[in-house]
Full PDB file with SEQRES, HELIX, SHEET, SSBOND, CRYST1, ORIGX, SCALE, CONECT and MASTER records, all heavy atoms in Angstrom:
SEQRES   1 A   33  GLY LYS LEU ALA LEU GLU PRO GLY THR LYS TYR GLY GLU          
SEQRES   2 A   33  ALA GLY ARG GLY PHE LEU ARG MET ASN VAL ALA ALA PRO          
SEQRES   3 A   33  ARG ALA THR ILE GLU GLU GLY                                  
HELIX    1 AA1 GLY A    8  TYR A   11  5                                   4    
HELIX    2 AA2 GLU A   13  GLY A   15  5                                   3    
HELIX    3 AA3 ARG A   27  GLU A   32  1                                   6    
SHEET    1 AA1 2 GLU A   6  PRO A   7  0                                        
SHEET    2 AA1 2 LEU A  19  ARG A  20 -1                                        
CRYST1    1.000    1.000    1.000  90.00  90.00  90.00 P 1           1          
ORIGX1      1.000000  0.000000  0.000000        0.00000                         
ORIGX2      0.000000  1.000000  0.000000        0.00000                         
ORIGX3      0.000000  0.000000  1.000000        0.00000                         
SCALE1      1.000000  0.000000  0.000000        0.00000                         
SCALE2      0.000000  1.000000  0.000000        0.00000                         
SCALE3      0.000000  0.000000  1.000000        0.00000                         
ATOM      1  N   GLY A   1      51.168 -78.483 -25.403  1.00  0.00           N  
ATOM      2  CA  GLY A   1      51.019 -77.352 -26.316  1.00  0.00           C  
ATOM      3  C   GLY A   1      50.365 -77.710 -27.635  1.00  0.00           C  
ATOM      4  O   GLY A   1      49.917 -76.827 -28.357  1.00  0.00           O  
ATOM      5  N   LYS A   2      50.366 -79.013 -27.969  1.00  0.00           N  
ATOM      6  CA  LYS A   2      49.821 -79.475 -29.249  1.00  0.00           C  
ATOM      7  C   LYS A   2      50.551 -78.795 -30.409  1.00  0.00           C  
ATOM      8  O   LYS A   2      49.949 -78.288 -31.364  1.00  0.00           O  
ATOM      9  CB  LYS A   2      48.312 -79.209 -29.353  1.00  0.00           C  
ATOM     10  CG  LYS A   2      47.487 -79.842 -28.241  1.00  0.00           C  
ATOM     11  CD  LYS A   2      47.583 -81.366 -28.284  1.00  0.00           C  
ATOM     12  CE  LYS A   2      46.718 -82.016 -27.206  1.00  0.00           C  
ATOM     13  NZ  LYS A   2      46.829 -83.491 -27.207  1.00  0.00           N  
ATOM     14  N   LEU A   3      51.886 -78.819 -30.315  1.00  0.00           N  
ATOM     15  CA  LEU A   3      52.739 -78.157 -31.285  1.00  0.00           C  
ATOM     16  C   LEU A   3      53.875 -79.111 -31.679  1.00  0.00           C  
ATOM     17  O   LEU A   3      54.538 -79.678 -30.818  1.00  0.00           O  
ATOM     18  CB  LEU A   3      53.327 -76.876 -30.677  1.00  0.00           C  
ATOM     19  CG  LEU A   3      54.281 -76.063 -31.533  1.00  0.00           C  
ATOM     20  CD1 LEU A   3      53.575 -75.481 -32.750  1.00  0.00           C  
ATOM     21  CD2 LEU A   3      54.911 -74.940 -30.697  1.00  0.00           C  
ATOM     22  N   ALA A   4      54.095 -79.262 -32.980  1.00  0.00           N  
ATOM     23  CA  ALA A   4      55.140 -80.153 -33.479  1.00  0.00           C  
ATOM     24  C   ALA A   4      56.318 -79.348 -33.999  1.00  0.00           C  
ATOM     25  O   ALA A   4      56.211 -78.659 -35.019  1.00  0.00           O  
ATOM     26  CB  ALA A   4      54.595 -81.053 -34.578  1.00  0.00           C  
ATOM     27  N   LEU A   5      57.437 -79.419 -33.277  1.00  0.00           N  
ATOM     28  CA  LEU A   5      58.705 -78.859 -33.729  1.00  0.00           C  
ATOM     29  C   LEU A   5      59.695 -80.012 -33.886  1.00  0.00           C  
ATOM     30  O   LEU A   5      59.395 -81.150 -33.530  1.00  0.00           O  
ATOM     31  CB  LEU A   5      59.240 -77.825 -32.739  1.00  0.00           C  
ATOM     32  CG  LEU A   5      58.330 -76.645 -32.387  1.00  0.00           C  
ATOM     33  CD1 LEU A   5      59.063 -75.672 -31.470  1.00  0.00           C  
ATOM     34  CD2 LEU A   5      57.832 -75.928 -33.626  1.00  0.00           C  
ATOM     35  N   GLU A   6      60.888 -79.709 -34.385  1.00  0.00           N  
ATOM     36  CA  GLU A   6      61.871 -80.768 -34.574  1.00  0.00           C  
ATOM     37  C   GLU A   6      62.897 -80.754 -33.440  1.00  0.00           C  
ATOM     38  O   GLU A   6      63.436 -79.683 -33.099  1.00  0.00           O  
ATOM     39  CB  GLU A   6      62.582 -80.617 -35.915  1.00  0.00           C  
ATOM     40  CG  GLU A   6      61.662 -80.950 -37.078  1.00  0.00           C  
ATOM     41  CD  GLU A   6      62.422 -81.384 -38.307  1.00  0.00           C  
ATOM     42  OE1 GLU A   6      63.420 -80.739 -38.651  1.00  0.00           O  
ATOM     43  OE2 GLU A   6      62.007 -82.368 -38.939  1.00  0.00           O  
ATOM     44  N   PRO A   7      63.182 -81.931 -32.858  1.00  0.00           N  
ATOM     45  CA  PRO A   7      64.190 -82.005 -31.799  1.00  0.00           C  
ATOM     46  C   PRO A   7      65.590 -81.831 -32.360  1.00  0.00           C  
ATOM     47  O   PRO A   7      65.912 -82.298 -33.462  1.00  0.00           O  
ATOM     48  CB  PRO A   7      63.985 -83.414 -31.232  1.00  0.00           C  
ATOM     49  CG  PRO A   7      63.443 -84.205 -32.381  1.00  0.00           C  
ATOM     50  CD  PRO A   7      62.590 -83.246 -33.167  1.00  0.00           C  
ATOM     51  N   GLY A   8      66.444 -81.176 -31.581  1.00  0.00           N  
ATOM     52  CA  GLY A   8      67.780 -80.857 -32.060  1.00  0.00           C  
ATOM     53  C   GLY A   8      68.642 -82.051 -32.399  1.00  0.00           C  
ATOM     54  O   GLY A   8      69.483 -81.977 -33.299  1.00  0.00           O  
ATOM     55  N   THR A   9      68.456 -83.184 -31.687  1.00  0.00           N  
ATOM     56  CA  THR A   9      69.328 -84.328 -31.943  1.00  0.00           C  
ATOM     57  C   THR A   9      69.048 -84.974 -33.299  1.00  0.00           C  
ATOM     58  O   THR A   9      69.824 -85.815 -33.747  1.00  0.00           O  
ATOM     59  CB  THR A   9      69.194 -85.392 -30.842  1.00  0.00           C  
ATOM     60  OG1 THR A   9      67.814 -85.773 -30.717  1.00  0.00           O  
ATOM     61  CG2 THR A   9      69.713 -84.873 -29.514  1.00  0.00           C  
ATOM     62  N   LYS A  10      67.963 -84.580 -33.957  1.00  0.00           N  
ATOM     63  CA  LYS A  10      67.742 -85.032 -35.333  1.00  0.00           C  
ATOM     64  C   LYS A  10      68.896 -84.572 -36.219  1.00  0.00           C  
ATOM     65  O   LYS A  10      69.184 -85.165 -37.259  1.00  0.00           O  
ATOM     66  CB  LYS A  10      66.417 -84.494 -35.848  1.00  0.00           C  
ATOM     67  CG  LYS A  10      66.032 -84.990 -37.240  1.00  0.00           C  
ATOM     68  CD  LYS A  10      64.631 -84.543 -37.616  1.00  0.00           C  
ATOM     69  CE  LYS A  10      64.251 -85.064 -39.001  1.00  0.00           C  
ATOM     70  NZ  LYS A  10      62.856 -84.702 -39.368  1.00  0.00           N  
ATOM     71  N   TYR A  11      69.593 -83.515 -35.796  1.00  0.00           N  
ATOM     72  CA  TYR A  11      70.687 -82.930 -36.564  1.00  0.00           C  
ATOM     73  C   TYR A  11      72.048 -83.319 -36.010  1.00  0.00           C  
ATOM     74  O   TYR A  11      73.057 -82.677 -36.307  1.00  0.00           O  
ATOM     75  CB  TYR A  11      70.512 -81.402 -36.595  1.00  0.00           C  
ATOM     76  CG  TYR A  11      69.192 -81.040 -37.210  1.00  0.00           C  
ATOM     77  CD1 TYR A  11      68.031 -80.995 -36.425  1.00  0.00           C  
ATOM     78  CD2 TYR A  11      69.051 -80.840 -38.569  1.00  0.00           C  
ATOM     79  CE1 TYR A  11      66.793 -80.742 -36.986  1.00  0.00           C  
ATOM     80  CE2 TYR A  11      67.817 -80.578 -39.137  1.00  0.00           C  
ATOM     81  CZ  TYR A  11      66.696 -80.535 -38.347  1.00  0.00           C  
ATOM     82  OH  TYR A  11      65.471 -80.299 -38.909  1.00  0.00           O  
ATOM     83  N   GLY A  12      72.038 -84.376 -35.213  1.00  0.00           N  
ATOM     84  CA  GLY A  12      73.259 -84.853 -34.599  1.00  0.00           C  
ATOM     85  C   GLY A  12      73.303 -84.511 -33.118  1.00  0.00           C  
ATOM     86  O   GLY A  12      72.557 -83.666 -32.628  1.00  0.00           O  
ATOM     87  N   GLU A  13      74.171 -85.183 -32.400  1.00  0.00           N  
ATOM     88  CA  GLU A  13      74.273 -84.965 -30.958  1.00  0.00           C  
ATOM     89  C   GLU A  13      74.614 -83.512 -30.636  1.00  0.00           C  
ATOM     90  O   GLU A  13      74.232 -82.994 -29.580  1.00  0.00           O  
ATOM     91  CB  GLU A  13      75.326 -85.905 -30.365  1.00  0.00           C  
ATOM     92  CG  GLU A  13      75.442 -85.842 -28.852  1.00  0.00           C  
ATOM     93  CD  GLU A  13      74.144 -86.197 -28.128  1.00  0.00           C  
ATOM     94  OE1 GLU A  13      73.355 -87.009 -28.663  1.00  0.00           O  
ATOM     95  OE2 GLU A  13      73.917 -85.643 -27.032  1.00  0.00           O  
ATOM     96  N   ALA A  14      75.290 -82.832 -31.554  1.00  0.00           N  
ATOM     97  CA  ALA A  14      75.634 -81.432 -31.334  1.00  0.00           C  
ATOM     98  C   ALA A  14      74.401 -80.528 -31.301  1.00  0.00           C  
ATOM     99  O   ALA A  14      74.492 -79.370 -30.880  1.00  0.00           O  
ATOM    100  CB  ALA A  14      76.596 -80.948 -32.417  1.00  0.00           C  
ATOM    101  N   GLY A  15      73.261 -81.055 -31.719  1.00  0.00           N  
ATOM    102  CA  GLY A  15      72.025 -80.279 -31.683  1.00  0.00           C  
ATOM    103  C   GLY A  15      71.222 -80.455 -30.406  1.00  0.00           C  
ATOM    104  O   GLY A  15      70.136 -79.859 -30.271  1.00  0.00           O  
ATOM    105  N   ARG A  16      71.719 -81.253 -29.488  1.00  0.00           N  
ATOM    106  CA  ARG A  16      70.967 -81.472 -28.254  1.00  0.00           C  
ATOM    107  C   ARG A  16      70.785 -80.156 -27.502  1.00  0.00           C  
ATOM    108  O   ARG A  16      71.713 -79.371 -27.339  1.00  0.00           O  
ATOM    109  CB  ARG A  16      71.667 -82.495 -27.358  1.00  0.00           C  
ATOM    110  CG  ARG A  16      70.850 -82.879 -26.113  1.00  0.00           C  
ATOM    111  CD  ARG A  16      71.490 -84.017 -25.348  1.00  0.00           C  
ATOM    112  NE  ARG A  16      71.540 -85.256 -26.112  1.00  0.00           N  
ATOM    113  CZ  ARG A  16      70.528 -86.093 -26.263  1.00  0.00           C  
ATOM    114  NH1 ARG A  16      69.348 -85.834 -25.692  1.00  0.00           N  
ATOM    115  NH2 ARG A  16      70.662 -87.204 -26.978  1.00  0.00           N  
ATOM    116  N   GLY A  17      69.555 -79.920 -27.035  1.00  0.00           N  
ATOM    117  CA  GLY A  17      69.244 -78.685 -26.340  1.00  0.00           C  
ATOM    118  C   GLY A  17      68.674 -77.612 -27.239  1.00  0.00           C  
ATOM    119  O   GLY A  17      68.416 -76.497 -26.792  1.00  0.00           O  
ATOM    120  N   PHE A  18      68.441 -77.978 -28.520  1.00  0.00           N  
ATOM    121  CA  PHE A  18      67.879 -77.035 -29.476  1.00  0.00           C  
ATOM    122  C   PHE A  18      66.599 -77.605 -30.091  1.00  0.00           C  
ATOM    123  O   PHE A  18      66.359 -78.818 -30.060  1.00  0.00           O  
ATOM    124  CB  PHE A  18      68.877 -76.733 -30.599  1.00  0.00           C  
ATOM    125  CG  PHE A  18      70.059 -75.917 -30.168  1.00  0.00           C  
ATOM    126  CD1 PHE A  18      71.136 -76.515 -29.530  1.00  0.00           C  
ATOM    127  CD2 PHE A  18      70.104 -74.545 -30.399  1.00  0.00           C  
ATOM    128  CE1 PHE A  18      72.239 -75.769 -29.131  1.00  0.00           C  
ATOM    129  CE2 PHE A  18      71.198 -73.789 -30.005  1.00  0.00           C  
ATOM    130  CZ  PHE A  18      72.266 -74.398 -29.370  1.00  0.00           C  
ATOM    131  N   LEU A  19      65.807 -76.720 -30.658  1.00  0.00           N  
ATOM    132  CA  LEU A  19      64.623 -77.072 -31.434  1.00  0.00           C  
ATOM    133  C   LEU A  19      64.684 -76.324 -32.752  1.00  0.00           C  
ATOM    134  O   LEU A  19      65.213 -75.211 -32.812  1.00  0.00           O  
ATOM    135  CB  LEU A  19      63.336 -76.647 -30.712  1.00  0.00           C  
ATOM    136  CG  LEU A  19      63.012 -77.268 -29.366  1.00  0.00           C  
ATOM    137  CD1 LEU A  19      61.964 -76.411 -28.654  1.00  0.00           C  
ATOM    138  CD2 LEU A  19      62.498 -78.700 -29.552  1.00  0.00           C  
ATOM    139  N   ARG A  20      64.101 -76.930 -33.804  1.00  0.00           N  
ATOM    140  CA  ARG A  20      63.975 -76.204 -35.070  1.00  0.00           C  
ATOM    141  C   ARG A  20      62.502 -75.905 -35.331  1.00  0.00           C  
ATOM    142  O   ARG A  20      61.653 -76.786 -35.264  1.00  0.00           O  
ATOM    143  CB  ARG A  20      64.545 -77.004 -36.234  1.00  0.00           C  
ATOM    144  CG  ARG A  20      64.816 -76.143 -37.471  1.00  0.00           C  
ATOM    145  CD  ARG A  20      65.239 -76.965 -38.666  1.00  0.00           C  
ATOM    146  NE  ARG A  20      64.108 -77.630 -39.280  1.00  0.00           N  
ATOM    147  CZ  ARG A  20      64.138 -78.223 -40.477  1.00  0.00           C  
ATOM    148  NH1 ARG A  20      65.269 -78.227 -41.181  1.00  0.00           N  
ATOM    149  NH2 ARG A  20      63.070 -78.821 -40.969  1.00  0.00           N  
ATOM    150  N   MET A  21      62.234 -74.637 -35.653  1.00  0.00           N  
ATOM    151  CA  MET A  21      60.867 -74.170 -35.875  1.00  0.00           C  
ATOM    152  C   MET A  21      60.760 -73.527 -37.259  1.00  0.00           C  
ATOM    153  O   MET A  21      61.528 -72.631 -37.602  1.00  0.00           O  
ATOM    154  CB  MET A  21      60.474 -73.149 -34.809  1.00  0.00           C  
ATOM    155  CG  MET A  21      59.055 -72.646 -34.882  1.00  0.00           C  
ATOM    156  SD  MET A  21      58.734 -71.409 -33.574  1.00  0.00           S  
ATOM    157  CE  MET A  21      56.953 -71.398 -33.522  1.00  0.00           C  
ATOM    158  N   ASN A  22      59.805 -73.979 -38.045  1.00  0.00           N  
ATOM    159  CA  ASN A  22      59.551 -73.454 -39.384  1.00  0.00           C  
ATOM    160  C   ASN A  22      58.565 -72.294 -39.273  1.00  0.00           C  
ATOM    161  O   ASN A  22      57.427 -72.481 -38.825  1.00  0.00           O  
ATOM    162  CB  ASN A  22      58.984 -74.579 -40.257  1.00  0.00           C  
ATOM    163  CG  ASN A  22      58.583 -74.127 -41.635  1.00  0.00           C  
ATOM    164  OD1 ASN A  22      58.608 -72.953 -41.963  1.00  0.00           O  
ATOM    165  ND2 ASN A  22      58.199 -75.084 -42.464  1.00  0.00           N  
ATOM    166  N   VAL A  23      58.975 -71.095 -39.707  1.00  0.00           N  
ATOM    167  CA  VAL A  23      58.094 -69.926 -39.598  1.00  0.00           C  
ATOM    168  C   VAL A  23      57.635 -69.428 -40.967  1.00  0.00           C  
ATOM    169  O   VAL A  23      57.212 -68.275 -41.106  1.00  0.00           O  
ATOM    170  CB  VAL A  23      58.759 -68.781 -38.803  1.00  0.00           C  
ATOM    171  CG1 VAL A  23      59.000 -69.217 -37.366  1.00  0.00           C  
ATOM    172  CG2 VAL A  23      60.051 -68.314 -39.463  1.00  0.00           C  
ATOM    173  N   ALA A  24      57.674 -70.285 -41.977  1.00  0.00           N  
ATOM    174  CA  ALA A  24      57.166 -69.929 -43.305  1.00  0.00           C  
ATOM    175  C   ALA A  24      55.676 -70.261 -43.369  1.00  0.00           C  
ATOM    176  O   ALA A  24      55.245 -71.249 -43.969  1.00  0.00           O  
ATOM    177  CB  ALA A  24      57.931 -70.654 -44.397  1.00  0.00           C  
ATOM    178  N   ALA A  25      54.891 -69.415 -42.722  1.00  0.00           N  
ATOM    179  CA  ALA A  25      53.446 -69.609 -42.629  1.00  0.00           C  
ATOM    180  C   ALA A  25      52.806 -68.241 -42.407  1.00  0.00           C  
ATOM    181  O   ALA A  25      53.486 -67.285 -41.995  1.00  0.00           O  
ATOM    182  CB  ALA A  25      53.104 -70.557 -41.473  1.00  0.00           C  
ATOM    183  N   PRO A  26      51.499 -68.125 -42.660  1.00  0.00           N  
ATOM    184  CA  PRO A  26      50.824 -66.847 -42.400  1.00  0.00           C  
ATOM    185  C   PRO A  26      50.965 -66.425 -40.943  1.00  0.00           C  
ATOM    186  O   PRO A  26      51.096 -67.266 -40.045  1.00  0.00           O  
ATOM    187  CB  PRO A  26      49.364 -67.157 -42.754  1.00  0.00           C  
ATOM    188  CG  PRO A  26      49.435 -68.281 -43.714  1.00  0.00           C  
ATOM    189  CD  PRO A  26      50.601 -69.117 -43.280  1.00  0.00           C  
ATOM    190  N   ARG A  27      50.928 -65.118 -40.695  1.00  0.00           N  
ATOM    191  CA  ARG A  27      51.132 -64.622 -39.345  1.00  0.00           C  
ATOM    192  C   ARG A  27      50.142 -65.230 -38.361  1.00  0.00           C  
ATOM    193  O   ARG A  27      50.484 -65.478 -37.193  1.00  0.00           O  
ATOM    194  CB  ARG A  27      51.032 -63.090 -39.325  1.00  0.00           C  
ATOM    195  CG  ARG A  27      51.206 -62.457 -37.934  1.00  0.00           C  
ATOM    196  CD  ARG A  27      52.540 -62.802 -37.255  1.00  0.00           C  
ATOM    197  NE  ARG A  27      53.671 -62.262 -37.945  1.00  0.00           N  
ATOM    198  CZ  ARG A  27      54.197 -61.072 -37.733  1.00  0.00           C  
ATOM    199  NH1 ARG A  27      53.674 -60.259 -36.825  1.00  0.00           N  
ATOM    200  NH2 ARG A  27      55.259 -60.672 -38.397  1.00  0.00           N  
ATOM    201  N   ALA A  28      48.921 -65.499 -38.786  1.00  0.00           N  
ATOM    202  CA  ALA A  28      47.946 -66.098 -37.874  1.00  0.00           C  
ATOM    203  C   ALA A  28      48.418 -67.457 -37.380  1.00  0.00           C  
ATOM    204  O   ALA A  28      48.236 -67.812 -36.205  1.00  0.00           O  
ATOM    205  CB  ALA A  28      46.583 -66.224 -38.555  1.00  0.00           C  
ATOM    206  N   THR A  29      49.055 -68.228 -38.265  1.00  0.00           N  
ATOM    207  CA  THR A  29      49.605 -69.523 -37.861  1.00  0.00           C  
ATOM    208  C   THR A  29      50.768 -69.334 -36.902  1.00  0.00           C  
ATOM    209  O   THR A  29      50.907 -70.063 -35.905  1.00  0.00           O  
ATOM    210  CB  THR A  29      50.069 -70.308 -39.097  1.00  0.00           C  
ATOM    211  OG1 THR A  29      48.960 -70.560 -39.955  1.00  0.00           O  
ATOM    212  CG2 THR A  29      50.699 -71.640 -38.694  1.00  0.00           C  
ATOM    213  N   ILE A  30      51.603 -68.352 -37.179  1.00  0.00           N  
ATOM    214  CA  ILE A  30      52.751 -68.073 -36.320  1.00  0.00           C  
ATOM    215  C   ILE A  30      52.283 -67.671 -34.927  1.00  0.00           C  
ATOM    216  O   ILE A  30      52.823 -68.143 -33.904  1.00  0.00           O  
ATOM    217  CB  ILE A  30      53.626 -66.975 -36.932  1.00  0.00           C  
ATOM    218  CG1 ILE A  30      54.101 -67.370 -38.340  1.00  0.00           C  
ATOM    219  CG2 ILE A  30      54.802 -66.666 -36.019  1.00  0.00           C  
ATOM    220  CD1 ILE A  30      54.865 -68.659 -38.402  1.00  0.00           C  
ATOM    221  N   GLU A  31      51.284 -66.823 -34.853  1.00  0.00           N  
ATOM    222  CA  GLU A  31      50.745 -66.389 -33.555  1.00  0.00           C  
ATOM    223  C   GLU A  31      50.180 -67.572 -32.782  1.00  0.00           C  
ATOM    224  O   GLU A  31      50.361 -67.671 -31.558  1.00  0.00           O  
ATOM    225  CB  GLU A  31      49.686 -65.321 -33.774  1.00  0.00           C  
ATOM    226  CG  GLU A  31      50.263 -63.998 -34.279  1.00  0.00           C  
ATOM    227  CD  GLU A  31      49.194 -62.985 -34.635  1.00  0.00           C  
ATOM    228  OE1 GLU A  31      47.985 -63.342 -34.592  1.00  0.00           O  
ATOM    229  OE2 GLU A  31      49.552 -61.828 -34.958  1.00  0.00           O  
ATOM    230  N   GLU A  32      49.507 -68.471 -33.497  1.00  0.00           N  
ATOM    231  CA  GLU A  32      48.958 -69.660 -32.828  1.00  0.00           C  
ATOM    232  C   GLU A  32      50.088 -70.552 -32.331  1.00  0.00           C  
ATOM    233  O   GLU A  32      50.004 -71.115 -31.225  1.00  0.00           O  
ATOM    234  CB  GLU A  32      48.052 -70.427 -33.785  1.00  0.00           C  
ATOM    235  CG  GLU A  32      47.441 -71.693 -33.221  1.00  0.00           C  
ATOM    236  CD  GLU A  32      46.495 -71.467 -32.054  1.00  0.00           C  
ATOM    237  OE1 GLU A  32      45.976 -70.334 -31.906  1.00  0.00           O  
ATOM    238  OE2 GLU A  32      46.275 -72.419 -31.267  1.00  0.00           O  
ATOM    239  N   GLY A  33      51.136 -70.690 -33.118  1.00  0.00           N  
ATOM    240  CA  GLY A  33      52.273 -71.494 -32.690  1.00  0.00           C  
ATOM    241  C   GLY A  33      52.943 -70.941 -31.451  1.00  0.00           C  
ATOM    242  O   GLY A  33      53.312 -71.689 -30.539  1.00  0.00           O  
TER     243      GLY A  33                                                      
MASTER        0    0    0    3    2    0    0    6  242    1    0    3          
END                                                                             
């Protein structure tokens, strides 16, 4: 996908199975993401 998100385990083992996505960007960037 050529997309960088954050893996959930960065926030501890309790975050496994999750991703964190930053959506503070122009809508065009969000649509591309």
